[in-house]
């Protein structure tokens, strides 16, 4: 029975690949805790903190399913020229079944001080997308072995991409709009030989609109409310709503809702004014939960203090 299941899965994947004849390389990884670091969503976010900021994120989606999506992301950014500019580096690895995708981007932001408390930033990001389709790893026969010569070669793609965005923030409010990947990269297959096409297609842009506000409920409790609209032409608008409570500047607890997808619970601890650890669990709402377990995501964030300059309070955005 197990061998038949392996065979069915392998043949099913091959049929889907051959029927589609192409794989779109421009897609955005899903994050539940994007509100703690928007570097991969919006390049104008970089440099908005008073010192160098490092974030490491790891996410495993539908963990009971073989070949489930696994995302690992790293970012580092900080202010330059007395906070008039920001510069950052973002690295992401996405694995979904036979597909392995790596993104490396440089981010730049020019920051304009609109008042004593508010700053508007204009951002650009550019880098390389690398995608490998490991067809040779598919198990397609009853022994769990790939013995099809047509699947001996892997489809590979290396292509440039870039994005742009705007980001406004003060101490209690932020709002942003961005198009993080503006080039439509596609990998087409002819007898599983890959052909890469790269073009700018306005109809396939993904727009992210984000906003959030910090409410002080009393001396001990703060509420960080945030939301995100994700807009793609010819697809339903996706809306994220998030409510995260901060107790005694130390413990985070909250809930998130993503339309047509999941509801999430979040818990975190502010180890000190510079170091944050958060974990979230997604419960599927679209029928997948009865087949797969939920999704797990953990994020580590560290804010360095420059020599002679200390972090007074934790940064909420």
Protein backbone atom coordinates (compact mmCIF):
# COMPACT_ATOMS: atom_id res chain seq x y z
CA UNK A 1 0.00 0.00 0.00
CA UNK A 2 2.80 2.38 0.94
CA UNK A 3 4.60 1.67 -2.34
CA UNK A 4 1.44 2.41 -4.31
CA UNK A 5 1.04 5.72 -2.50
CA UNK A 6 4.64 6.65 -3.32
CA UNK A 7 4.07 5.73 -6.95
CA UNK A 8 0.83 7.72 -7.09
CA UNK A 9 2.45 10.82 -5.62
CA UNK A 10 5.41 10.62 -7.98
CA UNK A 11 3.28 10.15 -11.09
CA UNK A 12 0.88 12.87 -9.96
CA UNK A 13 3.68 15.39 -9.60
CA UNK A 14 5.11 14.51 -13.01
CA UNK A 15 1.72 14.81 -14.71
CA UNK A 16 1.16 18.23 -13.16
CA UNK A 17 4.59 19.38 -14.33
CA UNK A 18 4.12 18.13 -17.88
CA UNK A 19 0.62 19.55 -18.19
CA UNK A 20 1.56 22.96 -16.90
CA UNK A 21 4.72 23.06 -19.09
CA UNK A 22 5.96 26.03 -17.09
CA UNK A 23 6.59 27.07 -13.53
CA UNK A 24 6.25 30.66 -12.48
CA UNK A 25 9.23 31.77 -10.43
CA UNK A 26 7.69 35.00 -9.14
CA UNK A 27 5.78 34.19 -5.99
CA UNK A 28 6.02 35.53 -2.47
CA UNK A 29 6.63 33.42 0.60
CA UNK A 30 3.97 33.52 3.32
CA UNK A 31 4.83 35.10 6.67
CA UNK A 32 2.59 35.28 9.72
CA UNK A 33 4.91 37.57 11.69
CA UNK A 34 5.67 40.05 8.90
CA UNK A 35 4.73 42.90 11.26
CA UNK A 36 8.00 42.50 13.16
CA UNK A 37 10.17 42.88 10.06
CA UNK A 38 8.90 44.03 6.65
CA UNK A 39 12.26 43.93 4.87
CA UNK A 40 11.20 41.32 2.30
CA UNK A 41 7.84 43.01 1.75
CA UNK A 42 8.98 46.63 1.53
CA UNK A 43 12.54 47.90 0.86
CA UNK A 44 11.63 51.33 2.28
CA UNK A 45 11.48 49.66 5.71
CA UNK A 46 15.27 49.38 5.99
CA UNK A 47 17.00 51.87 8.27
CA UNK A 48 13.86 52.76 10.23
CA UNK A 49 15.45 51.72 13.52
CA UNK A 50 18.15 53.62 15.34
CA UNK A 51 20.78 50.89 14.95
CA UNK A 52 21.66 47.78 12.97
CA UNK A 53 18.87 45.19 13.06
CA UNK A 54 19.17 41.44 12.40
CA UNK A 55 16.23 39.07 11.89
CA UNK A 56 16.17 35.30 11.36
CA UNK A 57 12.88 33.60 10.48
CA UNK A 58 12.06 29.93 9.95
CA UNK A 59 8.65 28.62 8.86
CA UNK A 60 7.35 25.11 8.21
CA UNK A 61 3.91 24.91 6.60
CA UNK A 62 1.60 21.85 6.65
CA UNK A 63 4.22 19.91 8.59
CA UNK A 64 2.59 16.45 8.32
CA UNK A 65 2.79 16.48 4.51
CA UNK A 66 5.91 15.26 2.71
CA UNK A 67 7.53 17.99 0.62
CA UNK A 68 5.73 20.68 2.61
CA UNK A 69 6.80 24.34 2.17
CA UNK A 70 9.80 25.35 4.29
CA UNK A 71 10.93 28.98 4.39
CA UNK A 72 14.08 30.38 6.00
CA UNK A 73 14.80 34.10 5.79
CA UNK A 74 17.62 36.30 7.07
CA UNK A 75 17.86 40.08 6.95
CA UNK A 76 20.23 42.72 8.22
CA UNK A 77 19.73 46.48 7.86
CA UNK A 78 20.57 49.76 9.50
CA UNK A 79 20.62 53.55 9.13
CA UNK A 80 23.32 55.55 7.37
CA UNK A 81 24.26 59.22 7.15
CA UNK A 82 22.52 60.26 10.39
CA UNK A 83 19.45 58.15 9.54
CA UNK A 84 18.89 59.93 6.21
CA UNK A 85 19.36 56.62 4.41
CA UNK A 86 18.97 52.94 5.12
CA UNK A 87 20.83 49.96 3.68
CA UNK A 88 20.10 46.27 4.06
CA UNK A 89 20.65 42.72 2.83
CA UNK A 90 17.93 40.06 2.62
CA UNK A 91 18.41 36.35 1.95
CA UNK A 92 15.58 33.84 1.57
CA UNK A 93 15.39 30.11 0.90
CA UNK A 94 12.09 28.46 -0.07
CA UNK A 95 11.66 24.71 -0.47
CA UNK A 96 8.40 23.21 -1.80
CA UNK A 97 8.56 19.59 -2.94
CA UNK A 98 11.14 19.33 -5.73
CA UNK A 99 11.47 23.11 -5.97
CA UNK A 100 14.30 24.92 -4.18
CA UNK A 101 14.41 28.71 -4.47
CA UNK A 102 16.99 31.22 -3.22
CA UNK A 103 16.68 35.01 -3.25
CA UNK A 104 19.43 37.50 -2.41
CA UNK A 105 18.50 41.20 -2.38
CA UNK A 106 20.14 44.50 -1.53
CA UNK A 107 17.73 47.09 -0.10
CA UNK A 108 18.13 50.86 -0.08
CA UNK A 109 15.90 53.54 1.43
CA UNK A 110 16.07 57.34 1.31
CA UNK A 111 14.42 58.79 4.41
CA UNK A 112 12.72 62.20 4.46
CA UNK A 113 11.91 63.76 7.80
CA UNK A 114 8.41 65.28 7.49
CA UNK A 115 8.15 66.49 11.08
CA UNK A 116 9.78 66.00 14.44
CA UNK A 117 8.11 62.62 14.76
CA UNK A 118 7.32 61.34 11.26
CA UNK A 119 9.56 59.99 8.48
CA UNK A 120 8.69 59.03 4.90
CA UNK A 121 11.04 56.59 3.17
CA UNK A 122 11.38 55.71 -0.51
CA UNK A 123 12.91 52.30 -1.10
CA UNK A 124 14.44 50.18 -3.85
CA UNK A 125 15.49 46.54 -3.80
CA UNK A 126 17.35 44.50 -6.36
CA UNK A 127 18.92 41.10 -6.53
CA UNK A 128 18.97 37.58 -7.91
CA UNK A 129 16.37 34.79 -7.94
CA UNK A 130 17.77 31.28 -8.23
CA UNK A 131 15.40 28.33 -8.69
CA UNK A 132 16.22 24.63 -8.97
CA UNK A 133 13.64 21.94 -9.73
CA UNK A 134 15.06 18.65 -8.46
CA UNK A 135 13.17 16.21 -10.67
CA UNK A 136 15.83 13.55 -10.09
CA UNK A 137 14.76 13.30 -6.44
CA UNK A 138 11.23 12.11 -7.32
CA UNK A 139 10.37 8.54 -6.32
CA UNK A 140 8.22 7.17 -9.12
CA UNK A 141 8.36 3.37 -8.98
CA UNK A 142 7.29 0.79 -6.42
CA UNK A 143 10.77 0.72 -4.88
CA UNK A 144 10.73 4.46 -4.30
CA UNK A 145 13.42 5.00 -6.93
CA UNK A 146 13.54 7.42 -9.86
CA UNK A 147 14.56 5.36 -12.90
CA UNK A 148 13.09 7.60 -15.62
CA UNK A 149 15.89 9.05 -17.82
CA UNK A 150 13.69 12.05 -18.65
CA UNK A 151 13.87 13.04 -15.00
CA UNK A 152 17.63 12.73 -14.68
CA UNK A 153 18.11 16.45 -15.37
CA UNK A 154 17.06 19.26 -13.08
CA UNK A 155 15.49 22.51 -14.29
CA UNK A 156 17.47 25.55 -13.16
CA UNK A 157 16.90 29.28 -13.38
CA UNK A 158 18.95 32.34 -12.39
CA UNK A 159 17.34 35.72 -13.12
CA UNK A 160 17.38 39.29 -11.80
CA UNK A 161 14.53 41.00 -10.02
CA UNK A 162 13.82 44.30 -8.33
CA UNK A 163 11.12 46.06 -6.32
CA UNK A 164 10.14 49.37 -4.80
CA UNK A 165 8.08 50.81 -1.96
CA UNK A 166 7.10 53.69 0.31
CA UNK A 167 7.06 53.54 4.12
CA UNK A 168 5.91 56.15 6.67
CA UNK A 169 6.31 55.78 10.40
CA UNK A 170 6.44 57.58 13.67
CA UNK A 171 6.66 56.17 17.18
CA UNK A 172 3.09 54.86 17.23
CA UNK A 173 1.93 54.49 13.62
CA UNK A 174 3.21 53.12 10.33
CA UNK A 175 1.89 52.64 6.78
CA UNK A 176 3.48 51.32 3.62
CA UNK A 177 2.85 50.28 0.04
CA UNK A 178 5.22 48.17 -2.04
CA UNK A 179 5.79 45.96 -5.07
CA UNK A 180 8.60 43.68 -3.86
CA UNK A 181 9.13 41.73 -7.09
CA UNK A 182 8.43 43.52 -10.37
CA UNK A 183 9.96 41.13 -12.92
CA UNK A 184 7.97 38.11 -14.04
CA UNK A 185 10.41 35.20 -14.24
CA UNK A 186 9.16 31.92 -15.68
CA UNK A 187 10.77 28.54 -16.29
CA UNK A 188 9.35 26.59 -19.26
CA UNK A 189 10.15 22.96 -20.01
CA UNK A 190 10.71 21.13 -23.28
CA UNK A 191 11.48 17.47 -22.53
CA UNK A 192 12.39 18.78 -19.07
CA UNK A 193 15.04 21.11 -20.51
CA UNK A 194 14.47 24.48 -18.83
CA UNK A 195 14.07 27.77 -20.69
CA UNK A 196 13.96 31.00 -18.66
CA UNK A 197 11.90 34.02 -19.72
CA UNK A 198 12.22 37.36 -17.94
CA UNK A 199 9.95 40.36 -18.49
CA UNK A 200 8.17 43.21 -16.72
CA UNK A 201 4.43 42.48 -16.71
CA UNK A 202 2.34 45.09 -14.86
CA UNK A 203 -0.64 42.73 -14.75
CA UNK A 204 1.31 40.32 -12.55
CA UNK A 205 2.57 42.79 -9.94
CA UNK A 206 1.84 41.88 -6.33
CA UNK A 207 0.98 44.93 -4.21
CA UNK A 208 1.38 44.95 -0.44
CA UNK A 209 -0.37 47.64 1.60
CA UNK A 210 0.41 47.60 5.32
CA UNK A 211 -0.47 49.73 8.32
CA UNK A 212 -0.34 49.49 12.08
CA UNK A 213 -0.80 51.48 15.27
CA UNK A 214 0.34 51.14 18.87
CA UNK A 215 -2.29 51.71 21.56
CA UNK A 216 -1.36 52.17 25.22
CA UNK A 217 -4.20 50.53 27.16
CA UNK A 218 -2.67 51.17 30.58
CA UNK A 219 0.76 51.35 32.22
CA UNK A 220 1.30 47.61 31.81
CA UNK A 221 -0.41 46.67 28.54
CA UNK A 222 0.06 47.88 24.97
CA UNK A 223 -1.82 46.75 21.87
CA UNK A 224 -0.07 46.58 18.50
CA UNK A 225 -2.81 46.40 15.85
CA UNK A 226 -1.77 45.88 12.23
CA UNK A 227 -3.10 44.80 8.87
CA UNK A 228 -1.96 43.96 5.36
CA UNK A 229 -3.68 43.89 1.98
CA UNK A 230 -2.11 41.68 -0.69
CA UNK A 231 -3.43 42.49 -4.16
CA UNK A 232 -2.75 40.51 -7.34
CA UNK A 233 -4.70 40.96 -10.57
CA UNK A 234 -7.21 38.16 -11.32
CA UNK A 235 -6.92 36.77 -7.78
CA UNK A 236 -8.93 37.37 -4.57
CA UNK A 237 -7.60 40.15 -2.36
CA UNK A 238 -5.90 38.67 0.71
CA UNK A 239 -6.32 40.53 3.98
CA UNK A 240 -4.36 39.96 7.20
CA UNK A 241 -5.60 41.31 10.55
CA UNK A 242 -3.37 41.16 13.60
CA UNK A 243 -3.78 42.08 17.27
CA UNK A 244 -0.72 41.61 19.47
CA UNK A 245 -0.63 42.56 23.14
CA UNK A 246 2.57 43.48 24.97
CA UNK A 247 2.57 42.96 28.74
CA UNK A 248 5.07 44.82 30.94
CA UNK A 249 7.29 45.45 27.88
CA UNK A 250 8.25 41.76 28.10
CA UNK A 251 5.60 39.26 26.94
CA UNK A 252 3.84 39.26 23.56
CA UNK A 253 0.56 37.41 22.93
CA UNK A 254 -1.78 37.81 19.99
CA UNK A 255 -4.02 36.51 17.22
CA UNK A 256 -3.93 36.88 13.44
CA UNK A 257 -6.49 36.18 10.74
CA UNK A 258 -5.70 35.66 7.05
CA UNK A 259 -8.71 35.60 4.71
CA UNK A 260 -9.37 32.24 3.11
CA UNK A 261 -6.30 30.75 4.73
CA UNK A 262 -5.67 30.59 8.48
CA UNK A 263 -6.08 31.89 11.98
CA UNK A 264 -2.86 32.16 13.99
CA UNK A 265 -1.82 32.35 17.62
CA UNK A 266 1.38 34.20 18.54
CA UNK A 267 3.51 34.23 21.68
CA UNK A 268 6.83 35.96 22.27
CA UNK A 269 9.24 37.24 24.84
CA UNK A 270 11.28 40.44 24.82
CA UNK A 271 14.43 39.06 26.45
CA UNK A 272 15.73 42.60 26.85
CA UNK A 273 15.32 45.91 25.02
CA UNK A 274 17.26 44.53 22.06
CA UNK A 275 16.43 40.82 21.73
CA UNK A 276 13.00 39.43 20.72
CA UNK A 277 11.87 35.82 20.24
CA UNK A 278 8.40 35.06 18.83
CA UNK A 279 6.56 31.90 17.79
CA UNK A 280 3.32 31.51 15.84
CA UNK A 281 1.07 28.59 14.93
CA UNK A 282 -1.33 28.71 11.97
CA UNK A 283 -4.57 26.71 11.95
CA UNK A 284 -5.90 26.23 8.43
CA UNK A 285 -9.41 27.46 7.57
CA UNK A 286 -9.60 26.34 3.94
CA UNK A 287 -10.10 22.60 4.43
CA UNK A 288 -6.42 21.65 4.58
CA UNK A 289 -6.38 21.25 8.37
CA UNK A 290 -8.14 17.87 8.26
CA UNK A 291 -5.37 16.50 6.02
CA UNK A 292 -2.30 18.33 7.37
CA UNK A 293 -1.22 19.68 10.72
CA UNK A 294 -0.80 23.43 11.02
CA UNK A 295 2.15 25.69 10.24
CA UNK A 296 4.90 26.71 12.65
CA UNK A 297 6.97 29.88 12.48
CA UNK A 298 9.68 31.28 14.74
CA UNK A 299 11.43 34.63 14.50
CA UNK A 300 14.55 35.93 16.26
CA UNK A 301 15.23 39.66 16.15
CA UNK A 302 18.22 41.52 17.59
CA UNK A 303 18.74 45.29 17.59
CA UNK A 304 22.35 46.34 18.08
CA UNK A 305 23.25 49.52 19.93
CA UNK A 306 25.98 51.65 18.45
CA UNK A 307 28.94 52.69 20.57
CA UNK A 308 27.93 55.55 22.83
CA UNK A 309 24.25 55.09 21.94
CA UNK A 310 21.86 52.86 23.86
CA UNK A 311 18.44 51.50 22.94
CA UNK A 312 16.07 53.31 25.30
CA UNK A 313 12.90 51.36 24.58
CA UNK A 314 11.97 48.35 22.41
CA UNK A 315 11.00 49.16 18.83
CA UNK A 316 7.40 48.23 18.06
CA UNK A 317 7.60 48.60 14.26
